[in-house]
Amino acid sequence: EAVEEVDDPMLVRAGKLGNEHEARALDDY
C-alpha cells in the first residue's frame, strides 16, 4: 500500500510561488 504523504504547507506555498515565477518568465519571453 502507498504511504499517505502529508502535504507540507511550506512546500505547497513554494510550489505556488514557483509557478508564479515560471509564469513571469513566460510573460517576459
PDB file of all heavy atoms in Angstrom:
ATOM      1  N   GLU A   1       0.843  -1.189   0.000  1.00  0.00           N
ATOM      2  CA  GLU A   1       0.000   0.000   0.000  1.00  0.00           C
ATOM      3  C   GLU A   1       0.882   1.244   0.000  1.00  0.00           C
ATOM      4  O   GLU A   1       1.939   1.261   0.637  1.00  0.00           O
ATOM      5  CB  GLU A   1      -0.908   0.009   1.235  1.00  0.00           C
ATOM      6  CG  GLU A   1      -1.966  -1.077   1.240  1.00  0.00           C
ATOM      7  CD  GLU A   1      -3.013  -0.876   0.148  1.00  0.00           C
ATOM      8  OE1 GLU A   1      -3.328   0.299  -0.152  1.00  0.00           O
ATOM      9  OE2 GLU A   1      -3.501  -1.874  -0.398  1.00  0.00           O
ATOM     10  N   ALA A   2       0.440   2.251  -0.705  1.00  0.00           N
ATOM     11  CA  ALA A   2       1.194   3.507  -0.723  1.00  0.00           C
ATOM     12  C   ALA A   2       1.078   4.201   0.627  1.00  0.00           C
ATOM     13  O   ALA A   2       0.063   4.101   1.312  1.00  0.00           O
ATOM     14  CB  ALA A   2       0.676   4.420  -1.825  1.00  0.00           C
ATOM     15  N   VAL A   3       2.127   4.872   1.016  1.00  0.00           N
ATOM     16  CA  VAL A   3       2.118   5.675   2.238  1.00  0.00           C
ATOM     17  C   VAL A   3       1.496   7.027   1.911  1.00  0.00           C
ATOM     18  O   VAL A   3       1.819   7.645   0.887  1.00  0.00           O
ATOM     19  CB  VAL A   3       3.553   5.859   2.776  1.00  0.00           C
ATOM     20  CG1 VAL A   3       3.584   6.893   3.895  1.00  0.00           C
ATOM     21  CG2 VAL A   3       4.106   4.524   3.253  1.00  0.00           C
ATOM     22  N   GLU A   4       0.598   7.464   2.772  1.00  0.00           N
ATOM     23  CA  GLU A   4      -0.008   8.787   2.558  1.00  0.00           C
ATOM     24  C   GLU A   4       1.026   9.854   2.907  1.00  0.00           C
ATOM     25  O   GLU A   4       1.475   9.956   4.051  1.00  0.00           O
ATOM     26  CB  GLU A   4      -1.246   8.961   3.434  1.00  0.00           C
ATOM     27  CG  GLU A   4      -1.938  10.292   3.225  1.00  0.00           C
ATOM     28  CD  GLU A   4      -3.186  10.461   4.080  1.00  0.00           C
ATOM     29  OE1 GLU A   4      -3.557   9.485   4.771  1.00  0.00           O
ATOM     30  OE2 GLU A   4      -3.774  11.557   4.061  1.00  0.00           O
ATOM     31  N   GLU A   5       1.412  10.619   1.905  1.00  0.00           N
ATOM     32  CA  GLU A   5       2.402  11.676   2.109  1.00  0.00           C
ATOM     33  C   GLU A   5       1.684  12.965   2.496  1.00  0.00           C
ATOM     34  O   GLU A   5       0.843  13.477   1.764  1.00  0.00           O
ATOM     35  CB  GLU A   5       3.237  11.871   0.844  1.00  0.00           C
ATOM     36  CG  GLU A   5       4.017  10.622   0.442  1.00  0.00           C
ATOM     37  CD  GLU A   5       4.924  10.854  -0.751  1.00  0.00           C
ATOM     38  OE1 GLU A   5       5.787  11.748  -0.672  1.00  0.00           O
ATOM     39  OE2 GLU A   5       4.754  10.146  -1.762  1.00  0.00           O
ATOM     40  N   VAL A   6       2.026  13.463   3.670  1.00  0.00           N
ATOM     41  CA  VAL A   6       1.366  14.652   4.208  1.00  0.00           C
ATOM     42  C   VAL A   6       1.894  15.892   3.501  1.00  0.00           C
ATOM     43  O   VAL A   6       3.115  16.075   3.370  1.00  0.00           O
ATOM     44  CB  VAL A   6       1.609  14.766   5.726  1.00  0.00           C
ATOM     45  CG1 VAL A   6       0.927  16.011   6.287  1.00  0.00           C
ATOM     46  CG2 VAL A   6       1.106  13.514   6.428  1.00  0.00           C
ATOM     47  N   ASP A   7       0.977  16.729   3.035  1.00  0.00           N
ATOM     48  CA  ASP A   7       1.389  17.972   2.386  1.00  0.00           C
ATOM     49  C   ASP A   7       2.064  18.901   3.383  1.00  0.00           C
ATOM     50  O   ASP A   7       1.513  19.195   4.457  1.00  0.00           O
ATOM     51  CB  ASP A   7       0.179  18.683   1.760  1.00  0.00           C
ATOM     52  CG  ASP A   7      -0.318  17.997   0.499  1.00  0.00           C
ATOM     53  OD1 ASP A   7       0.485  17.285  -0.122  1.00  0.00           O
ATOM     54  OD2 ASP A   7      -1.499  18.169   0.145  1.00  0.00           O
ATOM     55  N   ASP A   8       3.235  19.347   3.034  1.00  0.00           N
ATOM     56  CA  ASP A   8       3.951  20.326   3.842  1.00  0.00           C
ATOM     57  C   ASP A   8       3.502  21.714   3.392  1.00  0.00           C
ATOM     58  O   ASP A   8       3.707  22.081   2.226  1.00  0.00           O
ATOM     59  CB  ASP A   8       5.456  20.157   3.627  1.00  0.00           C
ATOM     60  CG  ASP A   8       6.287  21.101   4.500  1.00  0.00           C
ATOM     61  OD1 ASP A   8       5.798  22.198   4.807  1.00  0.00           O
ATOM     62  OD2 ASP A   8       7.422  20.745   4.841  1.00  0.00           O
ATOM     63  N   PRO A   9       2.868  22.494   4.279  1.00  0.00           N
ATOM     64  CA  PRO A   9       2.370  23.820   3.869  1.00  0.00           C
ATOM     65  C   PRO A   9       3.454  24.690   3.245  1.00  0.00           C
ATOM     66  O   PRO A   9       3.183  25.456   2.319  1.00  0.00           O
ATOM     67  CB  PRO A   9       1.852  24.429   5.183  1.00  0.00           C
ATOM     68  CG  PRO A   9       1.503  23.241   6.024  1.00  0.00           C
ATOM     69  CD  PRO A   9       2.529  22.199   5.677  1.00  0.00           C
ATOM     70  N   MET A  10       4.678  24.568   3.747  1.00  0.00           N
ATOM     71  CA  MET A  10       5.769  25.362   3.191  1.00  0.00           C
ATOM     72  C   MET A  10       6.058  24.947   1.751  1.00  0.00           C
ATOM     73  O   MET A  10       6.262  25.789   0.869  1.00  0.00           O
ATOM     74  CB  MET A  10       7.030  25.200   4.041  1.00  0.00           C
ATOM     75  CG  MET A  10       8.206  26.035   3.573  1.00  0.00           C
ATOM     76  SD  MET A  10       7.982  27.817   3.797  1.00  0.00           S
ATOM     77  CE  MET A  10       8.378  27.959   5.545  1.00  0.00           C
ATOM     78  N   LEU A  11       6.055  23.620   1.485  1.00  0.00           N
ATOM     79  CA  LEU A  11       6.308  23.143   0.133  1.00  0.00           C
ATOM     80  C   LEU A  11       5.158  23.498  -0.804  1.00  0.00           C
ATOM     81  O   LEU A  11       5.372  23.794  -1.977  1.00  0.00           O
ATOM     82  CB  LEU A  11       6.529  21.636   0.143  1.00  0.00           C
ATOM     83  CG  LEU A  11       7.807  21.150   0.852  1.00  0.00           C
ATOM     84  CD1 LEU A  11       7.896  19.630   0.805  1.00  0.00           C
ATOM     85  CD2 LEU A  11       9.039  21.778   0.225  1.00  0.00           C
ATOM     86  N   VAL A  12       3.935  23.463  -0.280  1.00  0.00           N
ATOM     87  CA  VAL A  12       2.774  23.856  -1.094  1.00  0.00           C
ATOM     88  C   VAL A  12       2.898  25.322  -1.500  1.00  0.00           C
ATOM     89  O   VAL A  12       2.675  25.684  -2.658  1.00  0.00           O
ATOM     90  CB  VAL A  12       1.467  23.615  -0.321  1.00  0.00           C
ATOM     91  CG1 VAL A  12       0.279  24.208  -1.071  1.00  0.00           C
ATOM     92  CG2 VAL A  12       1.243  22.112  -0.107  1.00  0.00           C
ATOM     93  N   ARG A  13       3.269  26.147  -0.537  1.00  0.00           N
ATOM     94  CA  ARG A  13       3.434  27.576  -0.837  1.00  0.00           C
ATOM     95  C   ARG A  13       4.598  27.794  -1.809  1.00  0.00           C
ATOM     96  O   ARG A  13       4.505  28.601  -2.735  1.00  0.00           O
ATOM     97  CB  ARG A  13       3.672  28.349   0.457  1.00  0.00           C
ATOM     98  CG  ARG A  13       3.993  29.829   0.247  1.00  0.00           C
ATOM     99  CD  ARG A  13       3.813  30.634   1.507  1.00  0.00           C
ATOM    100  NE  ARG A  13       4.426  31.941   1.409  1.00  0.00           N
ATOM    101  CZ  ARG A  13       3.960  32.952   0.691  1.00  0.00           C
ATOM    102  NH1 ARG A  13       2.858  32.793  -0.004  1.00  0.00           N
ATOM    103  NH2 ARG A  13       4.587  34.109   0.672  1.00  0.00           N
ATOM    104  N   ALA A  14       5.684  27.035  -1.617  1.00  0.00           N
ATOM    105  CA  ALA A  14       6.825  27.155  -2.513  1.00  0.00           C
ATOM    106  C   ALA A  14       6.433  26.760  -3.929  1.00  0.00           C
ATOM    107  O   ALA A  14       6.858  27.381  -4.907  1.00  0.00           O
ATOM    108  CB  ALA A  14       7.984  26.289  -2.021  1.00  0.00           C
ATOM    109  N   GLY A  15       5.595  25.711  -4.047  1.00  0.00           N
ATOM    110  CA  GLY A  15       5.137  25.291  -5.370  1.00  0.00           C
ATOM    111  C   GLY A  15       4.320  26.374  -6.052  1.00  0.00           C
ATOM    112  O   GLY A  15       4.475  26.630  -7.253  1.00  0.00           O
ATOM    113  N   LYS A  16       3.435  27.015  -5.288  1.00  0.00           N
ATOM    114  CA  LYS A  16       2.613  28.098  -5.839  1.00  0.00           C
ATOM    115  C   LYS A  16       3.497  29.261  -6.294  1.00  0.00           C
ATOM    116  O   LYS A  16       3.324  29.804  -7.399  1.00  0.00           O
ATOM    117  CB  LYS A  16       1.613  28.571  -4.779  1.00  0.00           C
ATOM    118  CG  LYS A  16       0.735  29.735  -5.213  1.00  0.00           C
ATOM    119  CD  LYS A  16      -0.260  30.077  -4.111  1.00  0.00           C
ATOM    120  CE  LYS A  16      -1.155  31.241  -4.515  1.00  0.00           C
ATOM    121  NZ  LYS A  16      -0.425  32.516  -4.645  1.00  0.00           N
ATOM    122  N   LEU A  17       4.450  29.643  -5.464  1.00  0.00           N
ATOM    123  CA  LEU A  17       5.343  30.738  -5.826  1.00  0.00           C
ATOM    124  C   LEU A  17       6.226  30.358  -7.007  1.00  0.00           C
ATOM    125  O   LEU A  17       6.558  31.198  -7.848  1.00  0.00           O
ATOM    126  CB  LEU A  17       6.205  31.119  -4.625  1.00  0.00           C
ATOM    127  CG  LEU A  17       5.464  31.757  -3.443  1.00  0.00           C
ATOM    128  CD1 LEU A  17       6.387  31.898  -2.244  1.00  0.00           C
ATOM    129  CD2 LEU A  17       4.903  33.121  -3.836  1.00  0.00           C
ATOM    130  N   GLY A  18       6.608  29.076  -7.072  1.00  0.00           N
ATOM    131  CA  GLY A  18       7.404  28.610  -8.209  1.00  0.00           C
ATOM    132  C   GLY A  18       6.640  28.724  -9.509  1.00  0.00           C
ATOM    133  O   GLY A  18       7.206  29.112 -10.546  1.00  0.00           O
ATOM    134  N   ASN A  19       5.347  28.392  -9.478  1.00  0.00           N
ATOM    135  CA  ASN A  19       4.515  28.527 -10.678  1.00  0.00           C
ATOM    136  C   ASN A  19       4.392  29.991 -11.096  1.00  0.00           C
ATOM    137  O   ASN A  19       4.405  30.308 -12.295  1.00  0.00           O
ATOM    138  CB  ASN A  19       3.133  27.944 -10.416  1.00  0.00           C
ATOM    139  CG  ASN A  19       3.156  26.428 -10.288  1.00  0.00           C
ATOM    140  OD1 ASN A  19       4.060  25.766 -10.800  1.00  0.00           O
ATOM    141  ND2 ASN A  19       2.169  25.871  -9.606  1.00  0.00           N
ATOM    142  N   GLU A  20       4.289  30.875 -10.108  1.00  0.00           N
ATOM    143  CA  GLU A  20       4.207  32.307 -10.421  1.00  0.00           C
ATOM    144  C   GLU A  20       5.523  32.797 -11.024  1.00  0.00           C
ATOM    145  O   GLU A  20       5.526  33.615 -11.956  1.00  0.00           O
ATOM    146  CB  GLU A  20       3.874  33.090  -9.150  1.00  0.00           C
ATOM    147  CG  GLU A  20       2.467  32.813  -8.605  1.00  0.00           C
ATOM    148  CD  GLU A  20       2.214  33.489  -7.263  1.00  0.00           C
ATOM    149  OE1 GLU A  20       3.168  34.133  -6.740  1.00  0.00           O
ATOM    150  OE2 GLU A  20       1.096  33.372  -6.746  1.00  0.00           O
ATOM    151  N   HIS A  21       6.625  32.302 -10.501  1.00  0.00           N
ATOM    152  CA  HIS A  21       7.950  32.654 -11.021  1.00  0.00           C
ATOM    153  C   HIS A  21       8.080  32.207 -12.479  1.00  0.00           C
ATOM    154  O   HIS A  21       8.551  32.955 -13.337  1.00  0.00           O
ATOM    155  CB  HIS A  21       9.004  31.984 -10.146  1.00  0.00           C
ATOM    156  CG  HIS A  21      10.418  32.181 -10.573  1.00  0.00           C
ATOM    157  ND1 HIS A  21      10.914  33.384 -11.053  1.00  0.00           N
ATOM    158  CD2 HIS A  21      11.480  31.318 -10.581  1.00  0.00           C
ATOM    159  CE1 HIS A  21      12.194  33.249 -11.343  1.00  0.00           C
ATOM    160  NE2 HIS A  21      12.562  32.008 -11.076  1.00  0.00           N
ATOM    161  N   GLU A  22       7.633  30.988 -12.763  1.00  0.00           N
ATOM    162  CA  GLU A  22       7.670  30.460 -14.120  1.00  0.00           C
ATOM    163  C   GLU A  22       6.774  31.281 -15.049  1.00  0.00           C
ATOM    164  O   GLU A  22       7.155  31.583 -16.195  1.00  0.00           O
ATOM    165  CB  GLU A  22       7.207  29.003 -14.097  1.00  0.00           C
ATOM    166  CG  GLU A  22       7.187  28.318 -15.452  1.00  0.00           C
ATOM    167  CD  GLU A  22       6.642  26.901 -15.339  1.00  0.00           C
ATOM    168  OE1 GLU A  22       5.407  26.740 -15.320  1.00  0.00           O
ATOM    169  OE2 GLU A  22       7.447  25.958 -15.252  1.00  0.00           O
ATOM    170  N   ALA A  23       5.585  31.669 -14.564  1.00  0.00           N
ATOM    171  CA  ALA A  23       4.639  32.448 -15.379  1.00  0.00           C
ATOM    172  C   ALA A  23       5.216  33.823 -15.719  1.00  0.00           C
ATOM    173  O   ALA A  23       5.043  34.324 -16.837  1.00  0.00           O
ATOM    174  CB  ALA A  23       3.311  32.589 -14.647  1.00  0.00           C
ATOM    175  N   ARG A  24       5.918  34.439 -14.757  1.00  0.00           N
ATOM    176  CA  ARG A  24       6.549  35.739 -15.035  1.00  0.00           C
ATOM    177  C   ARG A  24       7.610  35.601 -16.114  1.00  0.00           C
ATOM    178  O   ARG A  24       7.737  36.456 -17.000  1.00  0.00           O
ATOM    179  CB  ARG A  24       7.154  36.313 -13.751  1.00  0.00           C
ATOM    180  CG  ARG A  24       6.159  36.902 -12.778  1.00  0.00           C
ATOM    181  CD  ARG A  24       6.857  37.713 -11.694  1.00  0.00           C
ATOM    182  NE  ARG A  24       7.716  36.867 -10.860  1.00  0.00           N
ATOM    183  CZ  ARG A  24       7.312  36.247  -9.754  1.00  0.00           C
ATOM    184  NH1 ARG A  24       6.054  36.377  -9.355  1.00  0.00           N
ATOM    185  NH2 ARG A  24       8.154  35.524  -9.041  1.00  0.00           N
ATOM    186  N   ALA A  25       8.394  34.526 -16.031  1.00  0.00           N
ATOM    187  CA  ALA A  25       9.433  34.304 -17.050  1.00  0.00           C
ATOM    188  C   ALA A  25       8.796  34.115 -18.419  1.00  0.00           C
ATOM    189  O   ALA A  25       9.284  34.651 -19.427  1.00  0.00           O
ATOM    190  CB  ALA A  25      10.267  33.078 -16.671  1.00  0.00           C
ATOM    191  N   LEU A  26       7.690  33.360 -18.478  1.00  0.00           N
ATOM    192  CA  LEU A  26       6.999  33.145 -19.753  1.00  0.00           C
ATOM    193  C   LEU A  26       6.500  34.468 -20.324  1.00  0.00           C
ATOM    194  O   LEU A  26       6.642  34.729 -21.534  1.00  0.00           O
ATOM    195  CB  LEU A  26       5.842  32.169 -19.566  1.00  0.00           C
ATOM    196  CG  LEU A  26       4.984  31.890 -20.803  1.00  0.00           C
ATOM    197  CD1 LEU A  26       5.822  31.305 -21.928  1.00  0.00           C
ATOM    198  CD2 LEU A  26       3.828  30.949 -20.442  1.00  0.00           C
ATOM    199  N   ASP A  27       5.939  35.314 -19.476  1.00  0.00           N
ATOM    200  CA  ASP A  27       5.460  36.625 -19.940  1.00  0.00           C
ATOM    201  C   ASP A  27       6.615  37.459 -20.500  1.00  0.00           C
ATOM    202  O   ASP A  27       6.457  38.147 -21.524  1.00  0.00           O
ATOM    203  CB  ASP A  27       4.782  37.375 -18.785  1.00  0.00           C
ATOM    204  CG  ASP A  27       3.433  36.784 -18.413  1.00  0.00           C
ATOM    205  OD1 ASP A  27       2.856  36.040 -19.244  1.00  0.00           O
ATOM    206  OD2 ASP A  27       2.961  37.045 -17.287  1.00  0.00           O
ATOM    207  N   ASP A  28       7.761  37.396 -19.843  1.00  0.00           N
ATOM    208  CA  ASP A  28       8.930  38.153 -20.322  1.00  0.00           C
ATOM    209  C   ASP A  28       9.365  37.664 -21.702  1.00  0.00           C
ATOM    210  O   ASP A  28       9.697  38.467 -22.589  1.00  0.00           O
ATOM    211  CB  ASP A  28      10.089  38.016 -19.331  1.00  0.00           C
ATOM    212  CG  ASP A  28       9.846  38.754 -18.025  1.00  0.00           C
ATOM    213  OD1 ASP A  28       8.970  39.633 -18.012  1.00  0.00           O
ATOM    214  OD2 ASP A  28      10.527  38.430 -17.031  1.00  0.00           O
ATOM    215  N   TYR A  29       9.366  36.342 -21.909  1.00  0.00           N
ATOM    216  CA  TYR A  29       9.769  35.789 -23.208  1.00  0.00           C
ATOM    217  C   TYR A  29       8.757  36.152 -24.295  1.00  0.00           C
ATOM    218  O   TYR A  29       9.138  36.408 -25.448  1.00  0.00           O
ATOM    219  CB  TYR A  29       9.918  34.265 -23.115  1.00  0.00           C
ATOM    220  CG  TYR A  29      11.141  33.833 -22.338  1.00  0.00           C
ATOM    221  CD1 TYR A  29      11.037  32.864 -21.344  1.00  0.00           C
ATOM    222  CD2 TYR A  29      12.395  34.378 -22.591  1.00  0.00           C
ATOM    223  CE1 TYR A  29      12.153  32.455 -20.621  1.00  0.00           C
ATOM    224  CE2 TYR A  29      13.511  33.984 -21.887  1.00  0.00           C
ATOM    225  CZ  TYR A  29      13.388  33.022 -20.893  1.00  0.00           C
ATOM    226  OH  TYR A  29      14.490  32.623 -20.183  1.00  0.00           O
TER     227      TYR A  29
END
